[in-house]
C-alpha atoms as a PDB file:
ATOM      1  CA  MET A   1      81.899 -75.545-110.899  1.00  0.00           C
ATOM      2  CA  THR A   2      78.491 -73.929-111.395  1.00  0.00           C
ATOM      3  CA  ARG A   3      75.750 -75.819-109.623  1.00  0.00           C
ATOM      4  CA  LYS A   4      72.145 -75.327-110.611  1.00  0.00           C
ATOM      5  CA  VAL A   5      70.009 -75.683-107.520  1.00  0.00           C
ATOM      6  CA  LEU A   6      66.248 -76.058-107.173  1.00  0.00           C
ATOM      7  CA  LYS A   7      64.768 -74.553-104.020  1.00  0.00           C
ATOM      8  CA  ASP A   8      61.370 -74.748-102.422  1.00  0.00           C
ATOM      9  CA  SER A   9      58.686 -72.726-104.195  1.00  0.00           C
ATOM     10  CA  ARG A  10      55.350 -71.725-102.711  1.00  0.00           C
ATOM     11  CA  ILE A  11      54.017 -71.070-106.194  1.00  0.00           C
ATOM     12  CA  LYS A  12      54.954 -74.514-107.488  1.00  0.00           C
ATOM     13  CA  ARG A  13      53.520 -76.206-104.380  1.00  0.00           C
ATOM     14  CA  GLU A  14      50.191 -74.422-104.735  1.00  0.00           C
ATOM     15  CA  LEU A  15      50.109 -74.663-108.535  1.00  0.00           C
ATOM     16  CA  LEU A  16      50.550 -78.441-108.390  1.00  0.00           C
ATOM     17  CA  LYS A  17      47.917 -78.680-105.648  1.00  0.00           C
ATOM     18  CA  ILE A  18      45.420 -76.852-107.865  1.00  0.00           C
ATOM     19  CA  LEU A  19      46.216 -79.078-110.855  1.00  0.00           C
ATOM     20  CA  ARG A  20      45.881 -82.251-108.768  1.00  0.00           C
ATOM     21  CA  GLU A  21      42.517 -81.202-107.386  1.00  0.00           C
ATOM     22  CA  ASN A  22      41.028 -80.245-110.753  1.00  0.00           C
ATOM     23  CA  ASP A  23      40.767 -81.902-114.148  1.00  0.00           C
ATOM     24  CA  ILE A  24      41.440 -78.769-116.184  1.00  0.00           C
ATOM     25  CA  VAL A  25      42.118 -75.262-114.831  1.00  0.00           C
ATOM     26  CA  SER A  26      42.526 -72.056-116.803  1.00  0.00           C
ATOM     27  CA  GLY A  27      45.642 -69.933-116.481  1.00  0.00           C
ATOM     28  CA  ASP A  28      43.508 -66.989-115.359  1.00  0.00           C
ATOM     29  CA  GLU A  29      41.917 -69.011-112.561  1.00  0.00           C
ATOM     30  CA  ILE A  30      45.291 -70.288-111.365  1.00  0.00           C
ATOM     31  CA  GLY A  31      46.742 -66.790-111.493  1.00  0.00           C
ATOM     32  CA  THR A  32      43.863 -65.395-109.428  1.00  0.00           C
ATOM     33  CA  LYS A  33      44.251 -68.104-106.788  1.00  0.00           C
ATOM     34  CA  LEU A  34      48.017 -67.643-106.558  1.00  0.00           C
ATOM     35  CA  GLY A  35      48.060 -63.868-106.886  1.00  0.00           C
ATOM     36  CA  ILE A  36      50.291 -63.888-109.963  1.00  0.00           C
ATOM     37  CA  SER A  37      49.869 -62.998-113.639  1.00  0.00           C
ATOM     38  CA  ARG A  38      48.851 -65.420-116.360  1.00  0.00           C
ATOM     39  CA  VAL A  39      52.340 -65.028-117.849  1.00  0.00           C
ATOM     40  CA  ALA A  40      53.905 -65.992-114.513  1.00  0.00           C
ATOM     41  CA  VAL A  41      51.648 -69.062-114.395  1.00  0.00           C
ATOM     42  CA  TRP A  42      52.909 -70.154-117.799  1.00  0.00           C
ATOM     43  CA  LYS A  43      56.523 -69.565-116.681  1.00  0.00           C
ATOM     44  CA  HIS A  44      56.095 -71.949-113.734  1.00  0.00           C
ATOM     45  CA  VAL A  45      54.204 -74.482-115.858  1.00  0.00           C
ATOM     46  CA  LYS A  46      57.036 -74.403-118.425  1.00  0.00           C
ATOM     47  CA  GLU A  47      59.625 -74.979-115.679  1.00  0.00           C
ATOM     48  CA  LEU A  48      57.645 -77.921-114.300  1.00  0.00           C
ATOM     49  CA  ILE A  49      57.387 -79.451-117.776  1.00  0.00           C
ATOM     50  CA  GLU A  50      61.171 -79.160-118.166  1.00  0.00           C
ATOM     51  CA  LEU A  51      61.545 -81.013-114.854  1.00  0.00           C
ATOM     52  CA  GLY A  52      59.483 -83.967-116.006  1.00  0.00           C
ATOM     53  CA  TYR A  53      55.874 -83.059-115.195  1.00  0.00           C
ATOM     54  CA  LYS A  54      53.571 -83.733-118.136  1.00  0.00           C
ATOM     55  CA  ILE A  55      51.132 -80.819-118.241  1.00  0.00           C
ATOM     56  CA  GLN A  56      48.872 -80.414-121.251  1.00  0.00           C
ATOM     57  CA  SER A  57      47.820 -76.984-122.418  1.00  0.00           C
ATOM     58  CA  THR A  58      44.228 -77.223-123.723  1.00  0.00           C
ATOM     59  CA  PRO A  59      41.827 -74.544-124.995  1.00  0.00           C
ATOM     60  CA  LYS A  60      40.153 -74.634-121.562  1.00  0.00           C
ATOM     61  CA  GLY A  61      43.340 -74.567-119.498  1.00  0.00           C
ATOM     62  CA  TYR A  62      46.029 -76.784-118.019  1.00  0.00           C
ATOM     63  CA  LYS A  63      45.754 -80.490-117.264  1.00  0.00           C
ATOM     64  CA  LEU A  64      48.247 -82.484-115.171  1.00  0.00           C
ATOM     65  CA  VAL A  65      48.735 -85.811-116.963  1.00  0.00           C
ATOM     66  CA  LYS A  66      51.813 -87.362-115.360  1.00  0.00           C
ATOM     67  CA  GLU A  67      54.312 -86.590-112.603  1.00  0.00           C
ATOM     68  CA  PRO A  68      58.038 -87.432-112.377  1.00  0.00           C
ATOM     69  CA  SER A  69      57.765 -88.543-108.726  1.00  0.00           C
ATOM     70  CA  LYS A  70      61.121 -87.041-107.809  1.00  0.00           C
ATOM     71  CA  PRO A  71      62.037 -85.516-104.415  1.00  0.00           C
ATOM     72  CA  TYR A  72      61.936 -81.898-105.549  1.00  0.00           C
ATOM     73  CA  PRO A  73      61.903 -79.427-102.606  1.00  0.00           C
ATOM     74  CA  TRP A  74      58.268 -78.367-103.178  1.00  0.00           C
ATOM     75  CA  GLU A  75      57.199 -82.016-102.927  1.00  0.00           C
ATOM     76  CA  LEU A  76      58.722 -82.528 -99.472  1.00  0.00           C
ATOM     77  CA  ASP A  77      57.893 -81.620 -95.877  1.00  0.00           C
ATOM     78  CA  VAL A  78      61.548 -80.910 -95.013  1.00  0.00           C
ATOM     79  CA  LYS A  79      63.863 -78.090 -96.032  1.00  0.00           C
ATOM     80  CA  ALA A  80      65.751 -79.260 -99.097  1.00  0.00           C
ATOM     81  CA  TYR A  81      67.931 -78.186-101.986  1.00  0.00           C
ATOM     82  CA  TYR A  82      67.860 -80.303-105.162  1.00  0.00           C
ATOM     83  CA  TYR A  83      70.671 -80.490-107.698  1.00  0.00           C
ATOM     84  CA  LEU A  84      70.162 -82.037-111.133  1.00  0.00           C
ATOM     85  CA  SER A  85      73.896 -82.775-111.144  1.00  0.00           C
ATOM     86  CA  VAL A  86      76.576 -82.036-108.561  1.00  0.00           C
ATOM     87  CA  ASP A  87      80.052 -83.245-107.682  1.00  0.00           C
ATOM     88  CA  SER A  88      79.030 -84.450-104.215  1.00  0.00           C
ATOM     89  CA  THR A  89      76.162 -83.589-101.882  1.00  0.00           C
ATOM     90  CA  MET A  90      78.689 -83.906 -99.023  1.00  0.00           C
ATOM     91  CA  ASN A  91      80.655 -80.969-100.410  1.00  0.00           C
ATOM     92  CA  VAL A  92      77.568 -78.796-100.787  1.00  0.00           C
ATOM     93  CA  ALA A  93      76.288 -79.701 -97.317  1.00  0.00           C
ATOM     94  CA  LYS A  94      79.637 -78.835 -95.742  1.00  0.00           C
ATOM     95  CA  GLU A  95      79.716 -75.442 -97.465  1.00  0.00           C
ATOM     96  CA  LEU A  96      76.171 -74.686 -96.287  1.00  0.00           C
ATOM     97  CA  ALA A  97      76.864 -75.897 -92.739  1.00  0.00           C
ATOM     98  CA  GLU A  98      79.926 -73.648 -92.504  1.00  0.00           C
ATOM     99  CA  LYS A  99      77.694 -70.711 -93.457  1.00  0.00           C
ATOM    100  CA  GLY A 100      75.254 -71.573 -90.649  1.00  0.00           C
ATOM    101  CA  GLU A 101      72.595 -73.529 -92.546  1.00  0.00           C
ATOM    102  CA  GLU A 102      70.038 -74.973 -90.149  1.00  0.00           C
ATOM    103  CA  GLU A 103      69.967 -78.539 -88.913  1.00  0.00           C
ATOM    104  CA  TRP A 104      67.941 -81.067 -90.883  1.00  0.00           C
ATOM    105  CA  THR A 105      68.507 -79.361 -94.210  1.00  0.00           C
ATOM    106  CA  PHE A 106      68.633 -82.003 -96.949  1.00  0.00           C
ATOM    107  CA  ILE A 107      70.850 -81.672-100.016  1.00  0.00           C
ATOM    108  CA  ILE A 108      69.628 -84.050-102.728  1.00  0.00           C
ATOM    109  CA  ALA A 109      71.208 -84.864-106.091  1.00  0.00           C
ATOM    110  CA  GLU A 110      69.704 -86.477-109.150  1.00  0.00           C
ATOM    111  CA  GLU A 111      73.213 -87.616-109.978  1.00  0.00           C
ATOM    112  CA  GLN A 112      76.698 -87.052-108.551  1.00  0.00           C
ATOM    113  CA  THR A 113      79.839 -86.784-110.657  1.00  0.00           C
ATOM    114  CA  ALA A 114      82.185 -87.378-107.714  1.00  0.00           C
ATOM    115  CA  GLY A 115      80.061 -89.123-105.101  1.00  0.00           C
ATOM    116  CA  ARG A 116      82.089 -90.782-102.397  1.00  0.00           C
ATOM    117  CA  GLY A 117      81.798 -93.460 -99.765  1.00  0.00           C
ATOM    118  CA  ARG A 118      83.965 -94.405 -96.815  1.00  0.00           C
ATOM    119  CA  LEU A 119      87.772 -94.551 -97.177  1.00  0.00           C
ATOM    120  CA  LYS A 120      87.455 -92.122-100.113  1.00  0.00           C
ATOM    121  CA  ARG A 121      85.912 -94.802-102.305  1.00  0.00           C
ATOM    122  CA  HIS A 122      83.980 -93.591-105.345  1.00  0.00           C
ATOM    123  CA  TRP A 123      80.197 -94.028-105.083  1.00  0.00           C
ATOM    124  CA  ILE A 124      78.663 -94.472-108.525  1.00  0.00           C
ATOM    125  CA  SER A 125      75.626 -92.195-108.558  1.00  0.00           C
ATOM    126  CA  GLN A 126      73.555 -92.628-111.697  1.00  0.00           C
ATOM    127  CA  LYS A 127      70.095 -91.191-112.247  1.00  0.00           C
ATOM    128  CA  GLY A 128      67.328 -93.156-110.589  1.00  0.00           C
ATOM    129  CA  GLY A 129      68.932 -93.543-107.186  1.00  0.00           C
ATOM    130  CA  LEU A 130      68.484 -91.472-104.043  1.00  0.00           C
ATOM    131  CA  TYR A 131      71.619 -89.555-103.074  1.00  0.00           C
ATOM    132  CA  PHE A 132      71.516 -87.013-100.291  1.00  0.00           C
ATOM    133  CA  SER A 133      73.362 -85.424 -97.400  1.00  0.00           C
ATOM    134  CA  VAL A 134      71.762 -83.873 -94.354  1.00  0.00           C
ATOM    135  CA  ILE A 135      73.193 -81.332 -91.935  1.00  0.00           C
ATOM    136  CA  LEU A 136      73.088 -82.297 -88.259  1.00  0.00           C
ATOM    137  CA  ARG A 137      74.301 -80.465 -85.169  1.00  0.00           C
ATOM    138  CA  PRO A 138      74.288 -83.162 -82.454  1.00  0.00           C
ATOM    139  CA  ARG A 139      75.761 -82.524 -79.024  1.00  0.00           C
ATOM    140  CA  ILE A 140      78.358 -85.275 -79.190  1.00  0.00           C
ATOM    141  CA  LYS A 141      82.137 -85.510 -79.152  1.00  0.00           C
ATOM    142  CA  LEU A 142      84.112 -85.712 -82.358  1.00  0.00           C
ATOM    143  CA  THR A 143      85.174 -89.229 -81.387  1.00  0.00           C
ATOM    144  CA  GLU A 144      81.520 -90.325 -81.122  1.00  0.00           C
ATOM    145  CA  ILE A 145      80.326 -89.573 -84.647  1.00  0.00           C
ATOM    146  CA  GLU A 146      80.247 -93.276 -85.598  1.00  0.00           C
ATOM    147  CA  LYS A 147      77.247 -93.586 -83.239  1.00  0.00           C
ATOM    148  CA  ILE A 148      75.230 -91.927 -85.990  1.00  0.00           C
ATOM    149  CA  LEU A 149      75.810 -94.847 -88.384  1.00  0.00           C
ATOM    150  CA  ILE A 150      73.606 -97.518 -86.834  1.00  0.00           C
ATOM    151  CA  PRO A 151      70.387 -95.492 -86.328  1.00  0.00           C
ATOM    152  CA  SER A 152      70.879 -94.110 -89.861  1.00  0.00           C
ATOM    153  CA  SER A 153      71.287 -97.533 -91.451  1.00  0.00           C
ATOM    154  CA  ARG A 154      68.341 -98.856 -89.434  1.00  0.00           C
ATOM    155  CA  ALA A 155      66.197 -96.064 -90.878  1.00  0.00           C
ATOM    156  CA  VAL A 156      67.223 -97.133 -94.381  1.00  0.00           C
ATOM    157  CA  ALA A 157      66.528-100.796 -93.586  1.00  0.00           C
ATOM    158  CA  LYS A 158      63.152 -99.967 -92.039  1.00  0.00           C
ATOM    159  CA  THR A 159      62.156 -98.054 -95.160  1.00  0.00           C
ATOM    160  CA  ILE A 160      63.219-100.906 -97.435  1.00  0.00           C
ATOM    161  CA  GLN A 161      61.226-103.349 -95.288  1.00  0.00           C
ATOM    162  CA  GLU A 162      58.101-101.357 -96.131  1.00  0.00           C
ATOM    163  CA  TYR A 163      58.516-102.735 -99.665  1.00  0.00           C
ATOM    164  CA  ASN A 164      58.358-106.335 -98.400  1.00  0.00           C
ATOM    165  CA  LEU A 165      62.105-106.869 -98.711  1.00  0.00           C
ATOM    166  CA  SER A 166      64.466-108.226 -96.034  1.00  0.00           C
ATOM    167  CA  PRO A 167      67.546-105.986 -95.738  1.00  0.00           C
ATOM    168  CA  GLN A 168      70.551-106.697 -93.538  1.00  0.00           C
ATOM    169  CA  VAL A 169      72.673-104.020 -91.833  1.00  0.00           C
ATOM    170  CA  SER A 170      76.456-104.366 -91.425  1.00  0.00           C
ATOM    171  CA  GLN A 171      78.447-102.956 -88.514  1.00  0.00           C
ATOM    172  CA  ALA A 172      79.863-100.366 -90.885  1.00  0.00           C
ATOM    173  CA  GLY A 173      76.354 -99.116 -91.625  1.00  0.00           C
ATOM    174  CA  ASP A 174      75.988-100.539 -95.123  1.00  0.00           C
ATOM    175  CA  VAL A 175      72.661-102.121 -96.044  1.00  0.00           C
ATOM    176  CA  PHE A 176      72.423-105.335 -98.069  1.00  0.00           C
ATOM    177  CA  ILE A 177      69.685-107.389 -99.701  1.00  0.00           C
ATOM    178  CA  ASN A 178      70.554-111.064-100.209  1.00  0.00           C
ATOM    179  CA  GLY A 179      74.219-110.251 -99.638  1.00  0.00           C
ATOM    180  CA  LYS A 180      74.319-107.458-102.220  1.00  0.00           C
ATOM    181  CA  LYS A 181      74.843-103.824-101.265  1.00  0.00           C
ATOM    182  CA  VAL A 182      71.862-101.551-101.763  1.00  0.00           C
ATOM    183  CA  SER A 183      72.830 -98.584 -99.582  1.00  0.00           C
ATOM    184  CA  GLY A 184      75.916 -96.926 -98.150  1.00  0.00           C
ATOM    185  CA  ILE A 185      76.331 -94.305 -95.434  1.00  0.00           C
ATOM    186  CA  LEU A 186      79.077 -91.754 -94.848  1.00  0.00           C
ATOM    187  CA  VAL A 187      79.574 -89.510 -91.821  1.00  0.00           C
ATOM    188  CA  GLU A 188      81.877 -86.493 -91.728  1.00  0.00           C
ATOM    189  CA  ALA A 189      82.137 -83.892 -88.979  1.00  0.00           C
ATOM    190  CA  GLU A 190      83.975 -80.751 -87.939  1.00  0.00           C
ATOM    191  CA  GLY A 191      84.510 -79.282 -84.505  1.00  0.00           C
ATOM    192  CA  GLU A 192      86.593 -79.609 -81.367  1.00  0.00           C
ATOM    193  CA  LEU A 193      87.404 -82.955 -79.768  1.00  0.00           C
ATOM    194  CA  ASP A 194      84.923 -82.353 -76.946  1.00  0.00           C
ATOM    195  CA  MET A 195      82.055 -81.126 -79.146  1.00  0.00           C
ATOM    196  CA  VAL A 196      80.988 -81.409 -82.786  1.00  0.00           C
ATOM    197  CA  ASP A 197      80.271 -78.119 -84.547  1.00  0.00           C
ATOM    198  CA  PHE A 198      78.315 -79.826 -87.301  1.00  0.00           C
ATOM    199  CA  LEU A 199      78.000 -83.276 -88.820  1.00  0.00           C
ATOM    200  CA  ILE A 200      77.193 -84.249 -92.398  1.00  0.00           C
ATOM    201  CA  LEU A 201      75.381 -87.527 -92.912  1.00  0.00           C
ATOM    202  CA  GLY A 202      75.466 -88.812 -96.476  1.00  0.00           C
ATOM    203  CA  ILE A 203      73.269 -91.653 -97.702  1.00  0.00           C
ATOM    204  CA  GLY A 204      73.047 -93.306-101.088  1.00  0.00           C
ATOM    205  CA  VAL A 205      70.353 -95.834-101.938  1.00  0.00           C
ATOM    206  CA  ASN A 206      70.114 -97.785-105.184  1.00  0.00           C
ATOM    207  CA  VAL A 207      66.441 -97.371-106.011  1.00  0.00           C
ATOM    208  CA  ASN A 208      65.797 -97.387-109.771  1.00  0.00           C
ATOM    209  CA  ASN A 209      69.330 -96.753-111.041  1.00  0.00           C
ATOM    210  CA  GLU A 210      71.275 -99.184-113.201  1.00  0.00           C
ATOM    211  CA  ILE A 211      73.899-101.285-111.419  1.00  0.00           C
ATOM    212  CA  PRO A 212      77.216-101.526-113.324  1.00  0.00           C
ATOM    213  CA  GLU A 213      78.340-105.054-114.104  1.00  0.00           C
ATOM    214  CA  GLY A 214      80.924-106.568-111.796  1.00  0.00           C
ATOM    215  CA  LEU A 215      79.678-104.890-108.631  1.00  0.00           C
ATOM    216  CA  ASN A 216      78.296-106.885-105.718  1.00  0.00           C
ATOM    217  CA  ALA A 217      75.330-104.549-105.550  1.00  0.00           C
ATOM    218  CA  THR A 218      71.630-104.452-106.237  1.00  0.00           C
ATOM    219  CA  SER A 219      68.744-101.988-106.400  1.00  0.00           C
ATOM    220  CA  LEU A 220      65.167-101.949-105.180  1.00  0.00           C
ATOM    221  CA  ARG A 221      63.949-102.072-108.769  1.00  0.00           C
ATOM    222  CA  LYS A 222      66.080-105.139-109.440  1.00  0.00           C
ATOM    223  CA  GLU A 223      64.856-106.924-106.309  1.00  0.00           C
ATOM    224  CA  LEU A 224      61.191-106.049-106.832  1.00  0.00           C
ATOM    225  CA  GLY A 225      61.141-106.402-110.589  1.00  0.00           C
ATOM    226  CA  LYS A 226      59.459-103.016-110.996  1.00  0.00           C
ATOM    227  CA  GLU A 227      60.048 -99.283-110.650  1.00  0.00           C
ATOM    228  CA  VAL A 228      59.755 -97.732-107.206  1.00  0.00           C
ATOM    229  CA  ASN A 229      58.154 -94.326-106.706  1.00  0.00           C
ATOM    230  CA  LEU A 230      61.286 -92.345-105.809  1.00  0.00           C
ATOM    231  CA  LEU A 231      59.379 -89.483-104.195  1.00  0.00           C
ATOM    232  CA  GLU A 232      57.375 -91.849-102.007  1.00  0.00           C
ATOM    233  CA  PHE A 233      60.529 -93.734-100.986  1.00  0.00           C
ATOM    234  CA  SER A 234      62.327 -90.471-100.175  1.00  0.00           C
ATOM    235  CA  LYS A 235      59.488 -89.226 -97.976  1.00  0.00           C
ATOM    236  CA  LYS A 236      59.379 -92.520 -96.064  1.00  0.00           C
ATOM    237  CA  LEU A 237      63.141 -92.549 -95.548  1.00  0.00           C
ATOM    238  CA  PHE A 238      63.367 -88.923 -94.425  1.00  0.00           C
ATOM    239  CA  THR A 239      60.569 -89.513 -91.913  1.00  0.00           C
ATOM    240  CA  ASN A 240      62.164 -92.703 -90.561  1.00  0.00           C
ATOM    241  CA  LEU A 241      65.576 -91.045 -90.378  1.00  0.00           C
ATOM    242  CA  MET A 242      64.369 -88.009 -88.432  1.00  0.00           C
ATOM    243  CA  LYS A 243      62.307 -90.163 -86.089  1.00  0.00           C
ATOM    244  CA  GLY A 244      65.189 -92.566 -85.470  1.00  0.00           C
ATOM    245  CA  MET A 245      67.665 -89.802 -84.727  1.00  0.00           C
ATOM    246  CA  ARG A 246      65.330 -87.987 -82.378  1.00  0.00           C
ATOM    247  CA  GLU A 247      64.625 -91.189 -80.473  1.00  0.00           C
ATOM    248  CA  GLN A 248      68.392 -91.516 -79.948  1.00  0.00           C
ATOM    249  CA  ARG A 249      68.396 -87.892 -78.720  1.00  0.00           C
ATOM    250  CA  PHE A 250      71.413 -86.848 -80.744  1.00  0.00           C
END
């Protein structure tokens, strides 16, 4: 399966910064500031438009009108890879970890075609939710990996609380709102019995995605009655997750 991945881009970071700080900016001015040609500027602008940014091309230059508010790598303060569609972020994370990818690398998917939860259950991953796996290399035994669940689920709950909701955390690490599941967590690891080589933490949160009928589940959008800024939510969760894990000294 061919996976199209979006990686961090200095040009896109700086290009968006320029557009956000100015009403209209010419392609020549942007090119001069970034050290690239006017044609290269247009190439990056075109790519951003295809990814959901609304950028108008006027006689005087470019104008940023609307943003998709998605957790693209150049929007984050962590190392991340973003897939528009992938079988499972767990699979990608495992492949990268086996190749030596650094700890705290996030693999994010806009949608998963074969997302999974615990006990090999299928996790429905439609657009609008937050689905990611992160590579960890804690100094713990293989039999201790379940210890990761509680601080992870608490990070999810803490983030949800910032939206004036009251989540509950189960012993299995799932997060509920009013008895309906809003988030699930999966932990997989490889290594020897006395020491983990690497651990993959997978988290799925129903943010703005549709919830199929018949499921005892909910989403933040459903509970709040409005769309949630997915990029803002992602940043909050990643920060809370990293802080929570480091406080546990894993």
